[in-house]
């Protein structure tokens, strides 16, 4: 999983999404070539996305309109698995809905040959997978901002012991923290 997070643990509306969150787009002033290189390398190391319904619906509205660069073209063309009990159609290119036996299906996907499966956003899905120990790596991109309110990534049910495997500071003050679960 990879998440944008404020110093106080908020991950809500990091980009402009029309949600009405008072700090919507709070990450936008921190982007630069160094950060984009990191995010592009991260995306190229994956061949599938795992998304919750809310994130899928936001992404499937915004991303198909973007093309012509390495990141957008990969993001749009890669396989997308959407976890949802309510979504009836997944029309964004290469999308498939997982609605039954979610834990079993995700465990099966993890066993398939290929590159990484990446999760962006999708807080409820991340919480669910954390409880089942189905996340192999936690990537938190921590921004030097305190928002004071907003959705927190980890909820009251969340518990995990993690081992820091890498910390990458960017010139903008953002720090990429990579963790793996302690077994």
C-alpha atoms as a PDB file:
ATOM      1  CA  UNK A   1       0.000   0.000   0.000  1.00  0.00           C
ATOM      2  CA  UNK A   2       1.134   3.507  -0.625  1.00  0.00           C
ATOM      3  CA  UNK A   3      -0.525   6.511   0.971  1.00  0.00           C
ATOM      4  CA  UNK A   4      -0.146  10.260   1.169  1.00  0.00           C
ATOM      5  CA  UNK A   5      -0.405  11.243   4.833  1.00  0.00           C
ATOM      6  CA  UNK A   6      -0.137  14.427   6.872  1.00  0.00           C
ATOM      7  CA  UNK A   7       1.985  14.510  10.035  1.00  0.00           C
ATOM      8  CA  UNK A   8      -1.204  13.998  12.055  1.00  0.00           C
ATOM      9  CA  UNK A   9      -2.267  10.910  10.067  1.00  0.00           C
ATOM     10  CA  UNK A  10      -4.837  12.415   7.684  1.00  0.00           C
ATOM     11  CA  UNK A  11      -5.031  10.919   4.208  1.00  0.00           C
ATOM     12  CA  UNK A  12      -8.289  12.490   3.009  1.00  0.00           C
ATOM     13  CA  UNK A  13      -8.390  14.384  -0.311  1.00  0.00           C
ATOM     14  CA  UNK A  14      -4.644  14.752  -0.916  1.00  0.00           C
ATOM     15  CA  UNK A  15      -5.389  15.929  -4.454  1.00  0.00           C
ATOM     16  CA  UNK A  16      -8.181  18.118  -5.743  1.00  0.00           C
ATOM     17  CA  UNK A  17     -11.167  15.756  -5.856  1.00  0.00           C
ATOM     18  CA  UNK A  18     -14.253  17.921  -5.461  1.00  0.00           C
ATOM     19  CA  UNK A  19     -15.052  16.314  -2.102  1.00  0.00           C
ATOM     20  CA  UNK A  20     -15.522  19.586  -0.278  1.00  0.00           C
ATOM     21  CA  UNK A  21     -12.931  18.688   2.370  1.00  0.00           C
ATOM     22  CA  UNK A  22     -11.635  22.028   3.652  1.00  0.00           C
ATOM     23  CA  UNK A  23      -7.978  21.160   2.960  1.00  0.00           C
ATOM     24  CA  UNK A  24      -8.607  19.344  -0.326  1.00  0.00           C
ATOM     25  CA  UNK A  25      -5.470  19.186  -2.465  1.00  0.00           C
ATOM     26  CA  UNK A  26      -3.095  19.600   0.475  1.00  0.00           C
ATOM     27  CA  UNK A  27      -0.248  17.704  -1.256  1.00  0.00           C
ATOM     28  CA  UNK A  28      -0.210  19.737  -4.453  1.00  0.00           C
ATOM     29  CA  UNK A  29       2.431  22.309  -3.484  1.00  0.00           C
ATOM     30  CA  UNK A  30       4.942  19.553  -2.609  1.00  0.00           C
ATOM     31  CA  UNK A  31       5.346  17.951  -6.027  1.00  0.00           C
ATOM     32  CA  UNK A  32       8.582  18.136  -7.979  1.00  0.00           C
ATOM     33  CA  UNK A  33      10.620  16.059 -10.447  1.00  0.00           C
ATOM     34  CA  UNK A  34      12.351  14.138  -7.645  1.00  0.00           C
ATOM     35  CA  UNK A  35       9.018  13.073  -6.161  1.00  0.00           C
ATOM     36  CA  UNK A  36       7.507  12.236  -9.553  1.00  0.00           C
ATOM     37  CA  UNK A  37      10.509  10.034 -10.342  1.00  0.00           C
ATOM     38  CA  UNK A  38       9.904   8.123  -7.093  1.00  0.00           C
ATOM     39  CA  UNK A  39       6.165   7.684  -7.807  1.00  0.00           C
ATOM     40  CA  UNK A  40       6.832   6.615 -11.406  1.00  0.00           C
ATOM     41  CA  UNK A  41       9.379   3.988 -10.321  1.00  0.00           C
ATOM     42  CA  UNK A  42       6.895   2.749  -7.709  1.00  0.00           C
ATOM     43  CA  UNK A  43       4.142   2.423 -10.326  1.00  0.00           C
ATOM     44  CA  UNK A  44       6.408   0.718 -12.878  1.00  0.00           C
ATOM     45  CA  UNK A  45       7.276  -1.955 -10.269  1.00  0.00           C
ATOM     46  CA  UNK A  46       3.590  -2.958 -10.174  1.00  0.00           C
ATOM     47  CA  UNK A  47       1.385  -4.605 -12.750  1.00  0.00           C
ATOM     48  CA  UNK A  48      -1.947  -4.350 -10.915  1.00  0.00           C
ATOM     49  CA  UNK A  49      -3.883  -2.023  -8.629  1.00  0.00           C
ATOM     50  CA  UNK A  50      -6.157  -3.086  -5.799  1.00  0.00           C
ATOM     51  CA  UNK A  51      -8.760  -0.430  -5.051  1.00  0.00           C
ATOM     52  CA  UNK A  52     -11.731   0.121  -2.802  1.00  0.00           C
ATOM     53  CA  UNK A  53     -14.949   1.355  -4.415  1.00  0.00           C
ATOM     54  CA  UNK A  54     -14.651   5.000  -3.312  1.00  0.00           C
ATOM     55  CA  UNK A  55     -11.100   5.367  -4.624  1.00  0.00           C
ATOM     56  CA  UNK A  56     -11.969   3.446  -7.774  1.00  0.00           C
ATOM     57  CA  UNK A  57     -14.892   5.746  -8.532  1.00  0.00           C
ATOM     58  CA  UNK A  58     -12.733   8.853  -8.034  1.00  0.00           C
ATOM     59  CA  UNK A  59      -9.842   7.472 -10.109  1.00  0.00           C
ATOM     60  CA  UNK A  60     -12.069   6.122 -12.903  1.00  0.00           C
ATOM     61  CA  UNK A  61     -13.516   9.608 -13.351  1.00  0.00           C
ATOM     62  CA  UNK A  62     -10.179  11.434 -13.406  1.00  0.00           C
ATOM     63  CA  UNK A  63      -7.516   9.149 -14.884  1.00  0.00           C
ATOM     64  CA  UNK A  64      -9.033   8.060 -18.221  1.00  0.00           C
ATOM     65  CA  UNK A  65      -8.874  11.727 -19.266  1.00  0.00           C
ATOM     66  CA  UNK A  66      -5.093  11.698 -18.887  1.00  0.00           C
ATOM     67  CA  UNK A  67      -2.708  10.155 -21.391  1.00  0.00           C
ATOM     68  CA  UNK A  68       0.469  10.692 -23.324  1.00  0.00           C
ATOM     69  CA  UNK A  69       2.951  10.329 -20.488  1.00  0.00           C
ATOM     70  CA  UNK A  70       4.561   7.252 -18.978  1.00  0.00           C
ATOM     71  CA  UNK A  71       2.742   7.503 -15.631  1.00  0.00           C
ATOM     72  CA  UNK A  72      -0.794   8.112 -16.951  1.00  0.00           C
ATOM     73  CA  UNK A  73      -0.497   5.506 -19.687  1.00  0.00           C
ATOM     74  CA  UNK A  74       0.671   2.834 -17.223  1.00  0.00           C
ATOM     75  CA  UNK A  75      -1.911   3.856 -14.601  1.00  0.00           C
ATOM     76  CA  UNK A  76      -4.759   3.553 -17.089  1.00  0.00           C
ATOM     77  CA  UNK A  77      -3.645   0.350 -18.830  1.00  0.00           C
ATOM     78  CA  UNK A  78      -2.706  -1.798 -15.838  1.00  0.00           C
ATOM     79  CA  UNK A  79      -5.044  -4.404 -14.317  1.00  0.00           C
ATOM     80  CA  UNK A  80      -7.356  -2.990 -11.634  1.00  0.00           C
ATOM     81  CA  UNK A  81      -9.131  -5.093  -9.004  1.00  0.00           C
ATOM     82  CA  UNK A  82     -11.968  -3.264  -7.265  1.00  0.00           C
ATOM     83  CA  UNK A  83     -13.211  -4.556  -3.912  1.00  0.00           C
ATOM     84  CA  UNK A  84     -16.903  -3.725  -3.595  1.00  0.00           C
ATOM     85  CA  UNK A  85     -20.147  -5.353  -2.566  1.00  0.00           C
ATOM     86  CA  UNK A  86     -22.187  -2.593  -4.234  1.00  0.00           C
ATOM     87  CA  UNK A  87     -20.440  -1.684  -7.506  1.00  0.00           C
ATOM     88  CA  UNK A  88     -22.222  -3.334 -10.435  1.00  0.00           C
ATOM     89  CA  UNK A  89     -19.996  -2.261 -13.340  1.00  0.00           C
ATOM     90  CA  UNK A  90     -16.306  -1.466 -13.587  1.00  0.00           C
ATOM     91  CA  UNK A  91     -15.877   0.205 -16.954  1.00  0.00           C
ATOM     92  CA  UNK A  92     -12.420   1.738 -16.578  1.00  0.00           C
ATOM     93  CA  UNK A  93      -9.955  -0.135 -18.794  1.00  0.00           C
ATOM     94  CA  UNK A  94      -8.840  -3.546 -17.385  1.00  0.00           C
ATOM     95  CA  UNK A  95     -11.033  -3.367 -14.267  1.00  0.00           C
ATOM     96  CA  UNK A  96     -12.532  -6.331 -12.464  1.00  0.00           C
ATOM     97  CA  UNK A  97     -14.793  -6.349  -9.395  1.00  0.00           C
ATOM     98  CA  UNK A  98     -14.069  -8.568  -6.393  1.00  0.00           C
ATOM     99  CA  UNK A  99     -17.277  -8.865  -4.385  1.00  0.00           C
ATOM    100  CA  UNK A 100     -17.145 -12.310  -2.746  1.00  0.00           C
ATOM    101  CA  UNK A 101     -14.557 -14.140  -0.664  1.00  0.00           C
ATOM    102  CA  UNK A 102     -12.467 -10.972  -0.710  1.00  0.00           C
ATOM    103  CA  UNK A 103      -9.693 -12.169   1.625  1.00  0.00           C
ATOM    104  CA  UNK A 104      -9.367 -15.482  -0.198  1.00  0.00           C
ATOM    105  CA  UNK A 105      -9.357 -13.785  -3.622  1.00  0.00           C
ATOM    106  CA  UNK A 106      -6.707 -11.249  -2.603  1.00  0.00           C
ATOM    107  CA  UNK A 107      -4.540 -13.993  -1.082  1.00  0.00           C
ATOM    108  CA  UNK A 108      -4.869 -15.856  -4.402  1.00  0.00           C
ATOM    109  CA  UNK A 109      -3.895 -12.755  -6.406  1.00  0.00           C
ATOM    110  CA  UNK A 110      -0.809 -12.298  -4.231  1.00  0.00           C
ATOM    111  CA  UNK A 111       0.319 -15.836  -5.125  1.00  0.00           C
ATOM    112  CA  UNK A 112       0.156 -15.208  -8.886  1.00  0.00           C
ATOM    113  CA  UNK A 113       3.383 -14.553 -10.738  1.00  0.00           C
ATOM    114  CA  UNK A 114       4.054 -10.987 -11.680  1.00  0.00           C
ATOM    115  CA  UNK A 115       5.061  -7.648 -10.282  1.00  0.00           C
ATOM    116  CA  UNK A 116       3.638  -5.885  -7.231  1.00  0.00           C
ATOM    117  CA  UNK A 117      -0.038  -5.219  -6.607  1.00  0.00           C
ATOM    118  CA  UNK A 118      -0.325  -1.636  -5.414  1.00  0.00           C
ATOM    119  CA  UNK A 119      -3.020  -0.008  -3.296  1.00  0.00           C
ATOM    120  CA  UNK A 120      -3.582   3.740  -3.494  1.00  0.00           C
ATOM    121  CA  UNK A 121      -5.950   5.449  -1.052  1.00  0.00           C
ATOM    122  CA  UNK A 122      -8.725   2.958  -0.278  1.00  0.00           C
ATOM    123  CA  UNK A 123      -8.630   3.452   3.499  1.00  0.00           C
ATOM    124  CA  UNK A 124     -11.374   0.949   4.360  1.00  0.00           C
ATOM    125  CA  UNK A 125      -9.701  -1.692   2.210  1.00  0.00           C
ATOM    126  CA  UNK A 126      -6.296  -0.998   3.788  1.00  0.00           C
ATOM    127  CA  UNK A 127      -7.817  -1.362   7.273  1.00  0.00           C
ATOM    128  CA  UNK A 128      -9.468  -4.649   6.272  1.00  0.00           C
ATOM    129  CA  UNK A 129      -6.255  -6.037   4.749  1.00  0.00           C
ATOM    130  CA  UNK A 130      -4.167  -4.902   7.716  1.00  0.00           C
ATOM    131  CA  UNK A 131      -6.403  -6.895  10.083  1.00  0.00           C
ATOM    132  CA  UNK A 132      -5.924  -9.996   7.896  1.00  0.00           C
ATOM    133  CA  UNK A 133      -2.155  -9.493   7.545  1.00  0.00           C
ATOM    134  CA  UNK A 134      -2.448  -9.267   3.753  1.00  0.00           C
ATOM    135  CA  UNK A 135      -0.245  -6.191   3.266  1.00  0.00           C
ATOM    136  CA  UNK A 136       3.386  -6.964   2.477  1.00  0.00           C
ATOM    137  CA  UNK A 137       4.688  -3.413   2.483  1.00  0.00           C
ATOM    138  CA  UNK A 138       3.480  -0.110   3.900  1.00  0.00           C
ATOM    139  CA  UNK A 139       4.624   3.030   2.104  1.00  0.00           C
ATOM    140  CA  UNK A 140       3.656   6.236   3.815  1.00  0.00           C
ATOM    141  CA  UNK A 141       4.530   9.472   2.094  1.00  0.00           C
ATOM    142  CA  UNK A 142       4.462  11.823   5.059  1.00  0.00           C
ATOM    143  CA  UNK A 143       3.938  15.497   4.261  1.00  0.00           C
ATOM    144  CA  UNK A 144       5.190  18.324   6.491  1.00  0.00           C
ATOM    145  CA  UNK A 145       1.692  19.578   7.196  1.00  0.00           C
ATOM    146  CA  UNK A 146      -0.731  19.249  10.113  1.00  0.00           C
ATOM    147  CA  UNK A 147      -4.363  19.337   8.994  1.00  0.00           C
ATOM    148  CA  UNK A 148      -6.137  18.997  12.345  1.00  0.00           C
ATOM    149  CA  UNK A 149      -9.166  17.256  10.892  1.00  0.00           C
ATOM    150  CA  UNK A 150     -10.027  14.757   8.183  1.00  0.00           C
ATOM    151  CA  UNK A 151     -10.126  11.020   7.660  1.00  0.00           C
ATOM    152  CA  UNK A 152      -7.304   9.144   9.311  1.00  0.00           C
ATOM    153  CA  UNK A 153      -5.793   6.184   7.489  1.00  0.00           C
ATOM    154  CA  UNK A 154      -5.733   3.842  10.440  1.00  0.00           C
ATOM    155  CA  UNK A 155      -8.867   3.261  12.497  1.00  0.00           C
ATOM    156  CA  UNK A 156      -9.463   1.957  16.028  1.00  0.00           C
ATOM    157  CA  UNK A 157      -9.262  -1.660  14.838  1.00  0.00           C
ATOM    158  CA  UNK A 158      -5.827  -1.169  13.278  1.00  0.00           C
ATOM    159  CA  UNK A 159      -2.845  -2.827  14.894  1.00  0.00           C
ATOM    160  CA  UNK A 160       0.427  -3.835  13.285  1.00  0.00           C
ATOM    161  CA  UNK A 161       4.050  -4.039  14.315  1.00  0.00           C
ATOM    162  CA  UNK A 162       6.255  -2.867  11.488  1.00  0.00           C
ATOM    163  CA  UNK A 163       9.946  -2.791  10.649  1.00  0.00           C
ATOM    164  CA  UNK A 164      11.352   0.285   8.891  1.00  0.00           C
ATOM    165  CA  UNK A 165      13.132  -0.822   5.717  1.00  0.00           C
ATOM    166  CA  UNK A 166      13.794   2.569   4.125  1.00  0.00           C
ATOM    167  CA  UNK A 167      13.338   6.290   4.733  1.00  0.00           C
ATOM    168  CA  UNK A 168      13.724   8.655   1.789  1.00  0.00           C
ATOM    169  CA  UNK A 169      13.615  12.411   2.440  1.00  0.00           C
ATOM    170  CA  UNK A 170      12.676  14.650  -0.486  1.00  0.00           C
ATOM    171  CA  UNK A 171      13.827  18.251  -0.915  1.00  0.00           C
ATOM    172  CA  UNK A 172      10.228  19.458  -0.391  1.00  0.00           C
ATOM    173  CA  UNK A 173      10.153  18.047   3.153  1.00  0.00           C
ATOM    174  CA  UNK A 174       8.064  14.995   2.239  1.00  0.00           C
ATOM    175  CA  UNK A 175       9.486  11.740   3.613  1.00  0.00           C
ATOM    176  CA  UNK A 176       8.784   8.330   2.078  1.00  0.00           C
ATOM    177  CA  UNK A 177       8.727   5.702   4.802  1.00  0.00           C
ATOM    178  CA  UNK A 178       8.765   2.037   3.806  1.00  0.00           C
ATOM    179  CA  UNK A 179       7.820  -0.618   6.345  1.00  0.00           C
ATOM    180  CA  UNK A 180       7.233  -4.337   6.290  1.00  0.00           C
ATOM    181  CA  UNK A 181       5.205  -6.269   8.850  1.00  0.00           C
ATOM    182  CA  UNK A 182       7.079  -8.007  11.643  1.00  0.00           C
ATOM    183  CA  UNK A 183       6.124 -11.652  11.571  1.00  0.00           C
END
